[in-house]
Amino acid sequence: MKKVKLLLLTLLLPILAIAQETQPVKKPVAKKKGPLMGIQADLLRGPYLQMATPTSMTVRWRTNVYDRSRVKYGLSSDSLNMRTDDSSLVNEHIITLKDLKPSTKYFYTVGNLADTTLQGDEENYFYTFPETGSEQLVRIAGFGDCGNNSINQRSVRDQVVNYLGDKYLNAWILMGDNAYSDGTDAEFQAKFFNLYKDNLLKKYPLYPVPGNHDYHDFNSSPANDQNKIAYYQNFSLPTQGEAGGVASNTESYYSYDIANIHFLALDSYGPDKKGTHIYDQMGEQVEWVKKDLAANQNKQWVVAYWHHPPYTMGSHDSDKESLLVKIRENFIKTLEDGGVDLILCGHSHVYERTKLIKGYYGKEADYDAKKYEISSSTALYDGSKNSAPYLKSKTKTDGTVYVVSGSAGALGGHKETWPHNAMYYSNNEVGGAVMLEVEGNRLDLKWICSDGKIGDHFTMMKDVKKDEEKTLKQDKKLTK
């Protein structure tokens, strides 16, 4: 029997050897690496514009495979005679165009080093910022709590685009909660990038701040883990004063200039490296804010924006929610003393606007118009009674206007004491976004609603001579 088994084994060994030699070898699955593997790269996200200055612009996009990066650009869509390349294999493409001319229109395409164009036609263009300190007309749109993939989000977007028409938008800002409900990369794609890619992202540079929902992507709170969340992965923001202001050394908060406006973009939710927050007077962010404001006293206008409002009775209650209370009691005096003219926030899914006020840090019941209002005017500047513009001085801290605009996507809700006593105008029924228009010593803010109407507006002017007050005319710029 043993001899029979040995004979069978002897006969089978060659057959097994042959079978082993002819069996296909399984190759390891390789990552898609674009041209190196003969796979065509496809555009998954963008292009979108970041870190704009008078002489530079950062262009970002995402591809499905690893590829090298090229941006071709020029002064006309049929003459893209300049280019910037990056030979690194990446799927998150970040290219900064330098040595540009201020206030200049550039057309561009995005692609790879094989000169494959992923996107680029006459609708792919941008304008560089005006020279810092210049007084030409600039427009900045502000979207709060936008990323929920709702009908309201689309309607607000469309009405902002309709308002612009052929007018250019120098930049747009986000006041947080940019992708509901957890700020994941997939939510950013579906509820932010996909919705704004055709009308806004590829033309107008974006300067965002995070909200609490943008932090839900990562469960840990230490500041050194913040860069792991999708918000910080998806945006390129100035940390070294590249766009104006004092270097912050973090993308959590930063500053920049557009013409004669200085902007502070702040983080009202995340902790800094020491574990302190925006309401901690000895915290890193507050110390930076003080330095930045002190270094920019020469700017004609100063605007600050972040997510959590100091005053609201919309979907959130600034009397009861501890974060809002701490910001009001411990932080906003720093901004008022530093000469901030306008503060924009989101979080509450409504629109609310104060008059020009100063020194009010208490609860709603503590509000006293005679004590805290610098001006009793509505500032509508439309010929109606008591509608003169707010008048301020460049060299004095003459009060601040506070705006809550958190209904560019999420919408509705109010507390029992709605509207807040400090508010001149409040609306929780219609969504909208704010449009800031500044020319020289005149600032206008308009709330553009999802129904196409301008629901609220006000005008502020600086350094107008007293003897000129009686000659103010609507839609006229005043100078010294």
Protein backbone atom coordinates (compact mmCIF):
# COMPACT_ATOMS: atom_id res chain seq x y z
CA MET A 1 0.00 0.00 0.00
CA LYS A 2 2.86 2.35 0.86
CA LYS A 3 4.41 1.64 -2.55
CA VAL A 4 1.13 2.60 -4.29
CA LYS A 5 0.97 5.93 -2.35
CA LEU A 6 4.57 6.71 -3.20
CA LEU A 7 3.93 5.97 -6.87
CA LEU A 8 0.88 8.26 -6.94
CA LEU A 9 2.81 11.04 -5.20
CA THR A 10 5.63 10.69 -7.69
CA LEU A 11 3.18 11.04 -10.58
CA LEU A 12 1.34 14.04 -9.04
CA LEU A 13 4.35 16.19 -8.14
CA PRO A 14 5.20 17.22 -11.72
CA ILE A 15 1.54 18.00 -12.40
CA LEU A 16 1.32 20.21 -9.28
CA ALA A 17 4.51 21.96 -10.26
CA ILE A 18 3.16 22.71 -13.74
CA ALA A 19 -0.12 23.98 -12.25
CA GLN A 20 1.77 26.26 -9.89
CA GLU A 21 3.81 27.71 -12.72
CA THR A 22 0.74 28.50 -14.83
CA GLN A 23 -1.33 29.99 -11.96
CA PRO A 24 -1.69 33.79 -12.45
CA VAL A 25 0.30 35.75 -9.89
CA LYS A 26 -1.84 38.19 -7.84
CA LYS A 27 -0.35 41.69 -7.99
CA PRO A 28 -0.79 44.14 -5.12
CA VAL A 29 -3.45 46.77 -5.76
CA ALA A 30 -1.71 50.06 -6.40
CA LYS A 31 -3.05 53.50 -5.54
CA LYS A 32 -4.23 55.42 -8.54
CA LYS A 33 -1.31 57.62 -9.45
CA GLY A 34 -2.51 59.44 -12.51
CA PRO A 35 -0.26 59.52 -15.56
CA LEU A 36 2.29 57.14 -14.04
CA MET A 37 -0.31 54.37 -14.13
CA GLY A 38 -1.91 55.58 -17.34
CA ILE A 39 -5.06 56.73 -15.54
CA GLN A 40 -6.67 60.02 -16.50
CA ALA A 41 -7.18 62.40 -13.57
CA ASP A 42 -10.71 63.69 -13.04
CA LEU A 43 -11.72 66.82 -11.18
CA LEU A 44 -13.52 66.01 -7.92
CA ARG A 45 -13.54 69.43 -6.27
CA GLY A 46 -12.97 73.00 -7.32
CA PRO A 47 -11.20 74.92 -8.49
CA TYR A 48 -11.61 77.39 -5.65
CA LEU A 49 -9.70 80.52 -4.68
CA GLN A 50 -7.89 81.27 -1.42
CA MET A 51 -5.48 83.74 0.21
CA ALA A 52 -6.05 86.57 -2.23
CA THR A 53 -3.87 89.68 -2.03
CA PRO A 54 -3.17 92.56 -4.44
CA THR A 55 -0.33 90.55 -6.01
CA SER A 56 -1.15 86.87 -5.46
CA MET A 57 -3.89 84.25 -5.54
CA THR A 58 -3.96 80.63 -4.36
CA VAL A 59 -5.86 78.14 -6.51
CA ARG A 60 -6.97 74.79 -5.07
CA TRP A 61 -8.60 71.70 -6.55
CA ARG A 62 -8.93 67.97 -5.88
CA THR A 63 -8.49 65.05 -8.28
CA ASN A 64 -9.45 61.39 -8.04
CA VAL A 65 -5.85 60.24 -8.57
CA TYR A 66 -2.41 61.54 -7.71
CA ASP A 67 -1.17 63.96 -10.34
CA ARG A 68 1.15 66.90 -10.86
CA SER A 69 -0.27 70.42 -10.87
CA ARG A 70 -0.37 73.26 -13.38
CA VAL A 71 -2.25 76.54 -13.47
CA LYS A 72 -2.11 78.49 -16.71
CA TYR A 73 -3.27 82.09 -16.56
CA GLY A 74 -3.34 85.34 -18.48
CA LEU A 75 -5.19 88.56 -19.16
CA SER A 76 -7.60 86.94 -21.64
CA SER A 77 -9.13 83.49 -21.84
CA ASP A 78 -7.53 82.82 -25.23
CA SER A 79 -4.05 83.96 -24.20
CA LEU A 80 -2.95 82.10 -21.07
CA ASN A 81 0.72 82.91 -21.52
CA MET A 82 1.80 82.40 -17.90
CA ARG A 83 1.87 79.28 -15.78
CA THR A 84 2.84 77.94 -12.37
CA ASP A 85 3.69 74.25 -11.90
CA ASP A 86 4.23 71.82 -9.06
CA SER A 87 5.83 68.47 -9.88
CA SER A 88 4.73 66.82 -6.62
CA LEU A 89 2.28 63.94 -6.99
CA VAL A 90 -0.82 64.97 -5.03
CA ASN A 91 -4.58 64.79 -5.21
CA GLU A 92 -5.03 67.99 -3.18
CA HIS A 93 -3.60 70.61 -5.52
CA ILE A 94 -2.53 73.97 -4.08
CA ILE A 95 -0.88 76.46 -6.42
CA THR A 96 -0.07 80.07 -5.52
CA LEU A 97 0.21 82.57 -8.36
CA LYS A 98 2.62 85.39 -7.55
CA ASP A 99 3.79 88.72 -8.98
CA LEU A 100 0.29 89.63 -10.16
CA LYS A 101 -0.93 93.18 -10.69
CA PRO A 102 -3.45 94.74 -8.26
CA SER A 103 -7.10 95.14 -9.32
CA THR A 104 -6.48 93.05 -12.43
CA LYS A 105 -8.66 90.39 -14.05
CA TYR A 106 -6.94 87.09 -14.79
CA PHE A 107 -8.34 84.06 -16.58
CA TYR A 108 -7.01 80.63 -15.66
CA THR A 109 -7.15 76.88 -16.18
CA VAL A 110 -6.22 74.01 -13.87
CA GLY A 111 -4.58 70.81 -15.08
CA ASN A 112 -1.37 68.81 -15.04
CA LEU A 113 2.14 68.90 -16.46
CA ALA A 114 1.04 66.93 -19.52
CA ASP A 115 -0.99 70.07 -20.34
CA THR A 116 -4.27 68.30 -19.77
CA THR A 117 -6.90 70.89 -18.80
CA LEU A 118 -9.36 69.78 -16.13
CA GLN A 119 -11.30 73.04 -16.14
CA GLY A 120 -10.90 76.43 -17.73
CA ASP A 121 -12.92 78.74 -19.96
CA GLU A 122 -14.14 82.33 -19.98
CA GLU A 123 -15.96 81.70 -16.67
CA ASN A 124 -12.75 80.77 -14.85
CA TYR A 125 -11.37 84.13 -13.78
CA PHE A 126 -10.59 86.26 -10.75
CA TYR A 127 -9.60 89.79 -9.84
CA THR A 128 -6.67 90.49 -7.57
CA PHE A 129 -7.40 92.70 -4.58
CA PRO A 130 -6.97 96.47 -4.90
CA GLU A 131 -3.86 98.02 -3.42
CA THR A 132 -4.06 98.17 0.36
CA GLY A 133 -5.43 101.52 1.48
CA SER A 134 -7.08 102.37 -1.83
CA GLU A 135 -10.62 103.76 -1.72
CA GLN A 136 -12.26 102.13 -4.72
CA LEU A 137 -15.56 100.29 -4.39
CA VAL A 138 -15.25 96.73 -3.06
CA ARG A 139 -17.90 94.08 -2.32
CA ILE A 140 -17.72 91.26 0.20
CA ALA A 141 -20.55 88.76 0.77
CA GLY A 142 -21.06 86.98 4.09
CA PHE A 143 -22.70 83.56 4.50
CA GLY A 144 -23.55 82.21 7.95
CA ASP A 145 -24.55 78.61 8.75
CA CYS A 146 -24.83 77.85 5.06
CA GLY A 147 -23.90 74.19 4.53
CA ASN A 148 -27.07 72.15 5.06
CA ASN A 149 -28.00 71.29 1.45
CA SER A 150 -31.42 72.91 1.80
CA ILE A 151 -33.73 74.73 -0.59
CA ASN A 152 -33.02 77.86 1.44
CA GLN A 153 -29.28 77.46 0.87
CA ARG A 154 -29.79 77.29 -2.88
CA SER A 155 -32.23 80.20 -2.89
CA VAL A 156 -29.87 82.45 -0.91
CA ARG A 157 -27.00 81.52 -3.22
CA ASP A 158 -29.05 82.28 -6.31
CA GLN A 159 -30.28 85.63 -5.02
CA VAL A 160 -26.74 86.73 -4.16
CA VAL A 161 -25.69 85.83 -7.70
CA ASN A 162 -28.73 87.66 -9.10
CA TYR A 163 -27.90 90.74 -7.04
CA LEU A 164 -24.36 90.77 -8.37
CA GLY A 165 -25.35 90.50 -12.02
CA ASP A 166 -22.30 91.77 -13.89
CA LYS A 167 -20.78 93.30 -10.75
CA TYR A 168 -17.70 91.66 -9.29
CA LEU A 169 -17.48 90.25 -5.77
CA ASN A 170 -14.02 90.90 -4.35
CA ALA A 171 -14.35 88.16 -1.73
CA TRP A 172 -16.81 86.17 0.31
CA ILE A 173 -16.61 85.11 3.92
CA LEU A 174 -18.12 82.27 5.94
CA MET A 175 -19.29 82.80 9.52
CA GLY A 176 -19.06 79.14 10.54
CA ASP A 177 -21.14 75.94 10.50
CA ASN A 178 -20.11 75.59 6.90
CA ALA A 179 -21.03 71.87 6.58
CA TYR A 180 -23.73 70.25 8.68
CA SER A 181 -24.00 68.31 10.84
CA ASP A 182 -20.47 67.17 11.67
CA GLY A 183 -18.17 69.03 9.30
CA THR A 184 -16.90 65.84 7.67
CA ASP A 185 -15.13 65.95 4.34
CA ALA A 186 -18.07 64.19 2.69
CA GLU A 187 -20.43 66.82 4.11
CA PHE A 188 -18.19 69.63 2.91
CA GLN A 189 -18.27 68.08 -0.56
CA ALA A 190 -22.03 67.50 -0.73
CA LYS A 191 -23.25 70.56 1.15
CA PHE A 192 -20.67 73.20 0.37
CA PHE A 193 -18.32 72.58 -2.55
CA ASN A 194 -20.93 71.02 -4.84
CA LEU A 195 -23.43 73.82 -4.22
CA TYR A 196 -21.11 76.78 -4.76
CA LYS A 197 -18.69 75.45 -7.39
CA ASP A 198 -20.32 76.97 -10.48
CA ASN A 199 -21.32 80.43 -9.27
CA LEU A 200 -18.94 81.47 -6.52
CA LEU A 201 -15.96 79.27 -5.73
CA LYS A 202 -14.10 79.48 -9.03
CA LYS A 203 -14.39 83.28 -9.32
CA TYR A 204 -14.32 84.80 -5.87
CA PRO A 205 -11.69 84.22 -3.14
CA LEU A 206 -12.98 82.79 0.12
CA TYR A 207 -12.03 83.65 3.71
CA PRO A 208 -13.87 81.35 6.18
CA VAL A 209 -14.02 80.87 9.94
CA PRO A 210 -15.10 77.66 11.72
CA GLY A 211 -18.26 77.05 13.72
CA ASN A 212 -19.02 74.41 16.30
CA HIS A 213 -20.43 72.02 13.68
CA ASP A 214 -17.18 72.26 11.73
CA TYR A 215 -15.40 70.80 14.76
CA HIS A 216 -17.62 67.71 15.04
CA ASP A 217 -15.45 65.84 12.56
CA PHE A 218 -12.94 65.15 15.31
CA ASN A 219 -13.90 64.10 18.82
CA SER A 220 -10.81 65.33 20.63
CA SER A 221 -10.50 68.95 21.69
CA PRO A 222 -6.74 69.63 22.02
CA ALA A 223 -5.61 72.38 19.68
CA ASN A 224 -2.79 70.30 18.22
CA ASP A 225 -5.41 67.93 16.79
CA GLN A 226 -7.40 70.67 15.06
CA ASN A 227 -5.52 70.27 11.81
CA LYS A 228 -6.98 66.77 11.50
CA ILE A 229 -10.54 67.99 10.97
CA ALA A 230 -11.86 68.55 7.47
CA TYR A 231 -12.22 72.32 7.83
CA TYR A 232 -8.48 72.80 8.25
CA GLN A 233 -7.70 70.28 5.53
CA ASN A 234 -9.98 71.99 3.02
CA PHE A 235 -8.89 75.62 3.33
CA SER A 236 -5.59 77.47 2.89
CA LEU A 237 -5.52 80.50 5.16
CA PRO A 238 -2.91 83.20 5.90
CA THR A 239 -0.91 82.58 9.06
CA GLN A 240 2.15 84.78 8.52
CA GLY A 241 0.53 88.10 7.70
CA GLU A 242 0.76 87.34 3.97
CA ALA A 243 -2.54 89.10 3.28
CA GLY A 244 -2.10 91.95 5.77
CA GLY A 245 -2.16 92.24 9.54
CA VAL A 246 -0.05 90.58 12.22
CA ALA A 247 1.03 86.96 11.78
CA SER A 248 -1.17 84.64 13.85
CA ASN A 249 0.87 81.46 13.23
CA THR A 250 -2.37 79.48 13.07
CA GLU A 251 -5.22 78.95 10.62
CA SER A 252 -7.72 79.12 13.48
CA TYR A 253 -7.68 82.92 13.34
CA TYR A 254 -6.00 85.42 11.05
CA SER A 255 -6.39 88.85 9.45
CA TYR A 256 -6.19 90.38 5.99
CA ASP A 257 -6.80 93.60 4.05
CA ILE A 258 -9.10 94.41 1.15
CA ALA A 259 -8.51 97.97 -0.08
CA ASN A 260 -9.13 100.24 2.96
CA ILE A 261 -10.78 97.52 5.09
CA HIS A 262 -8.99 95.40 7.68
CA PHE A 263 -10.67 92.07 8.49
CA LEU A 264 -10.18 89.87 11.54
CA ALA A 265 -11.38 86.28 11.08
CA LEU A 266 -11.70 84.63 14.50
CA ASP A 267 -12.39 81.22 16.03
CA SER A 268 -15.06 81.37 18.74
CA TYR A 269 -15.13 77.62 19.45
CA GLY A 270 -11.78 75.87 19.28
CA PRO A 271 -9.08 76.19 21.94
CA ASP A 272 -5.62 77.55 21.25
CA LYS A 273 -2.39 75.71 22.02
CA LYS A 274 -2.62 76.62 25.69
CA GLY A 275 -6.21 75.42 25.93
CA THR A 276 -7.63 78.95 26.19
CA HIS A 277 -10.51 80.36 24.16
CA ILE A 278 -11.68 83.58 22.55
CA TYR A 279 -13.20 84.75 25.84
CA ASP A 280 -10.01 84.25 27.90
CA GLN A 281 -8.36 87.65 28.26
CA MET A 282 -4.91 86.08 28.69
CA GLY A 283 -5.43 83.60 25.85
CA GLU A 284 -3.28 83.49 22.72
CA GLN A 285 -6.10 84.54 20.40
CA VAL A 286 -7.07 87.58 22.47
CA GLU A 287 -3.43 88.65 22.81
CA TRP A 288 -3.07 88.39 19.04
CA VAL A 289 -6.29 90.39 18.49
CA LYS A 290 -4.92 93.21 20.64
CA LYS A 291 -1.65 93.28 18.71
CA ASP A 292 -3.39 93.13 15.36
CA LEU A 293 -5.78 95.97 16.18
CA ALA A 294 -2.95 98.11 17.52
CA ALA A 295 -0.94 97.55 14.34
CA ASN A 296 -3.84 98.51 12.07
CA GLN A 297 -5.08 101.77 13.55
CA ASN A 298 -4.38 103.43 10.22
CA LYS A 299 -7.02 101.37 8.39
CA GLN A 300 -10.17 103.30 7.55
CA TRP A 301 -12.51 100.40 8.29
CA VAL A 302 -12.15 97.41 10.62
CA VAL A 303 -14.51 94.42 10.43
CA ALA A 304 -14.38 91.34 12.67
CA TYR A 305 -16.31 88.11 12.18
CA TRP A 306 -16.71 84.79 13.96
CA HIS A 307 -19.44 82.24 14.67
CA HIS A 308 -21.03 82.75 18.11
CA PRO A 309 -22.88 86.08 18.57
CA PRO A 310 -22.78 88.15 21.76
CA TYR A 311 -26.43 89.20 21.33
CA THR A 312 -29.25 87.03 19.96
CA MET A 313 -32.70 85.72 20.78
CA GLY A 314 -33.12 83.69 17.61
CA SER A 315 -32.47 79.95 17.59
CA HIS A 316 -29.96 80.58 20.39
CA ASP A 317 -30.19 82.57 23.63
CA SER A 318 -27.29 84.90 24.45
CA ASP A 319 -28.53 85.27 28.04
CA LYS A 320 -28.37 81.56 28.85
CA GLU A 321 -25.70 79.93 26.67
CA SER A 322 -22.39 80.19 28.51
CA LEU A 323 -20.16 80.60 25.46
CA LEU A 324 -22.21 83.54 24.19
CA VAL A 325 -22.30 85.10 27.65
CA LYS A 326 -18.52 84.81 28.07
CA ILE A 327 -17.87 86.35 24.65
CA ARG A 328 -20.13 89.29 25.46
CA GLU A 329 -18.80 89.86 28.97
CA ASN A 330 -15.10 89.21 28.39
CA PHE A 331 -14.21 89.80 24.76
CA ILE A 332 -16.16 92.38 22.77
CA LYS A 333 -14.91 95.33 24.82
CA THR A 334 -11.46 94.54 23.42
CA LEU A 335 -12.83 94.99 19.91
CA GLU A 336 -14.79 98.14 20.72
CA ASP A 337 -11.73 99.69 22.36
CA GLY A 338 -9.68 98.69 19.32
CA GLY A 339 -11.94 100.59 16.94
CA VAL A 340 -13.83 97.74 15.25
CA ASP A 341 -16.68 99.21 13.21
CA LEU A 342 -18.70 96.11 12.35
CA ILE A 343 -19.02 92.63 13.86
CA LEU A 344 -20.60 89.77 11.89
CA CYS A 345 -21.64 86.44 13.43
CA GLY A 346 -23.77 83.39 12.66
CA HIS A 347 -24.86 80.46 14.87
CA SER A 348 -28.39 81.78 15.43
CA HIS A 349 -30.38 80.88 12.31
CA VAL A 350 -31.92 84.31 11.87
CA TYR A 351 -30.98 87.85 10.92
CA GLU A 352 -30.54 90.49 13.66
CA ARG A 353 -28.97 93.96 13.56
CA THR A 354 -28.26 96.51 16.28
CA LYS A 355 -27.88 100.23 15.92
CA LEU A 356 -24.48 101.82 16.56
CA ILE A 357 -23.82 100.83 20.19
CA LYS A 358 -21.00 100.78 22.72
CA GLY A 359 -20.41 99.52 26.25
CA TYR A 360 -23.29 97.03 26.46
CA TYR A 361 -22.07 93.77 27.99
CA GLY A 362 -25.08 92.67 30.05
CA LYS A 363 -28.20 90.57 29.54
CA GLU A 364 -31.11 91.53 27.32
CA ALA A 365 -33.07 93.07 30.20
CA ASP A 366 -30.12 95.38 30.93
CA TYR A 367 -30.28 97.07 27.54
CA ASP A 368 -30.90 100.81 27.76
CA ALA A 369 -31.00 102.61 24.42
CA LYS A 370 -30.23 105.99 25.97
CA LYS A 371 -27.16 104.57 27.67
CA TYR A 372 -25.70 102.36 24.96
CA GLU A 373 -26.77 103.76 21.59
CA ILE A 374 -24.24 106.14 20.08
CA SER A 375 -26.85 107.10 17.49
CA SER A 376 -30.62 106.69 17.55
CA SER A 377 -30.79 106.75 13.75
CA THR A 378 -31.96 103.71 11.81
CA ALA A 379 -29.14 104.45 9.33
CA LEU A 380 -31.39 103.24 6.51
CA TYR A 381 -30.37 106.38 4.61
CA ASP A 382 -33.46 106.17 2.43
CA GLY A 383 -35.16 109.48 3.12
CA SER A 384 -37.37 108.09 5.86
CA LYS A 385 -37.58 109.75 9.26
CA ASN A 386 -34.47 109.49 11.43
CA SER A 387 -32.54 107.50 8.81
CA ALA A 388 -29.27 109.43 8.56
CA PRO A 389 -26.07 107.36 8.25
CA TYR A 390 -24.06 106.49 11.31
CA LEU A 391 -21.20 108.98 11.50
CA LYS A 392 -17.85 107.94 12.89
CA SER A 393 -14.29 109.16 13.15
CA LYS A 394 -11.32 107.19 11.92
CA THR A 395 -9.34 108.11 15.01
CA LYS A 396 -12.00 107.48 17.67
CA THR A 397 -13.83 104.42 18.98
CA ASP A 398 -17.33 105.65 18.21
CA GLY A 399 -19.26 102.43 18.62
CA THR A 400 -19.91 99.22 16.70
CA VAL A 401 -22.78 97.69 14.73
CA TYR A 402 -23.47 94.00 15.49
CA VAL A 403 -25.06 91.77 12.86
CA VAL A 404 -26.20 88.16 13.24
CA SER A 405 -26.56 86.55 9.81
CA GLY A 406 -26.91 82.80 10.33
CA SER A 407 -29.63 81.93 7.83
CA ALA A 408 -27.77 81.30 4.56
CA GLY A 409 -28.73 77.63 4.90
CA ALA A 410 -30.16 76.74 8.28
CA LEU A 411 -33.23 78.85 9.05
CA GLY A 412 -35.64 79.75 11.79
CA GLY A 413 -36.31 79.54 15.49
CA HIS A 414 -36.64 82.11 18.23
CA LYS A 415 -36.66 82.38 21.99
CA GLU A 416 -39.46 83.64 24.20
CA THR A 417 -38.18 87.22 24.36
CA TRP A 418 -37.63 87.53 20.60
CA PRO A 419 -36.68 89.99 19.24
CA HIS A 420 -33.69 90.96 21.35
CA ASN A 421 -34.05 94.42 22.90
CA ALA A 422 -30.76 95.61 21.38
CA MET A 423 -31.87 94.89 17.82
CA TYR A 424 -33.23 97.49 15.43
CA TYR A 425 -34.27 94.80 12.93
CA SER A 426 -34.88 91.05 13.34
CA ASN A 427 -36.17 88.36 10.96
CA ASN A 428 -36.47 84.61 11.55
CA GLU A 429 -38.76 83.76 8.63
CA VAL A 430 -36.61 84.39 5.57
CA GLY A 431 -33.06 83.25 4.89
CA GLY A 432 -30.35 85.50 3.57
CA ALA A 433 -26.73 86.60 3.30
CA VAL A 434 -25.09 89.96 3.89
CA MET A 435 -23.47 92.09 1.21
CA LEU A 436 -20.87 94.60 2.36
CA GLU A 437 -20.12 97.45 -0.05
CA VAL A 438 -17.39 99.91 0.86
CA GLU A 439 -16.12 102.88 -1.10
CA GLY A 440 -13.82 105.36 0.55
CA ASN A 441 -15.38 106.70 3.72
CA ARG A 442 -18.77 105.06 3.12
CA LEU A 443 -19.81 101.56 4.22
CA ASP A 444 -23.13 99.95 3.26
CA LEU A 445 -24.44 96.60 4.46
CA LYS A 446 -27.41 94.94 2.77
CA TRP A 447 -29.17 91.76 3.82
CA ILE A 448 -30.06 89.93 0.61
CA CYS A 449 -32.96 87.56 1.20
CA SER A 450 -33.89 84.24 -0.36
CA ASP A 451 -36.94 85.90 -1.95
CA GLY A 452 -34.78 88.43 -3.79
CA LYS A 453 -35.61 91.38 -1.56
CA ILE A 454 -33.21 93.47 0.50
CA GLY A 455 -34.65 92.88 3.94
CA ASP A 456 -32.45 95.32 5.84
CA HIS A 457 -29.67 97.76 5.09
CA PHE A 458 -27.70 100.50 6.77
CA THR A 459 -25.03 103.07 5.94
CA MET A 460 -22.05 104.22 7.97
CA MET A 461 -19.67 107.09 7.13
CA LYS A 462 -16.39 108.31 8.56
CA ASP A 463 -14.75 111.70 8.98
CA VAL A 464 -17.62 113.75 7.61
CA LYS A 465 -17.32 117.41 8.54
CA LYS A 466 -20.03 118.65 10.88
CA ASP A 467 -21.08 121.41 8.52
CA GLU A 468 -21.63 118.82 5.80
CA GLU A 469 -24.14 116.76 7.79
CA LYS A 470 -27.09 118.84 6.61
CA THR A 471 -26.15 118.28 2.95
CA LEU A 472 -26.07 114.47 3.04
CA LYS A 473 -27.73 112.93 0.02
CA GLN A 474 -28.65 109.32 -0.55
CA ASP A 475 -26.18 107.26 -2.59
CA LYS A 476 -23.52 109.99 -2.49
CA LYS A 477 -20.04 109.47 -1.15
CA LEU A 478 -18.84 112.16 1.24
CA THR A 479 -15.26 113.23 1.76
CA LYS A 480 -13.55 115.74 3.95
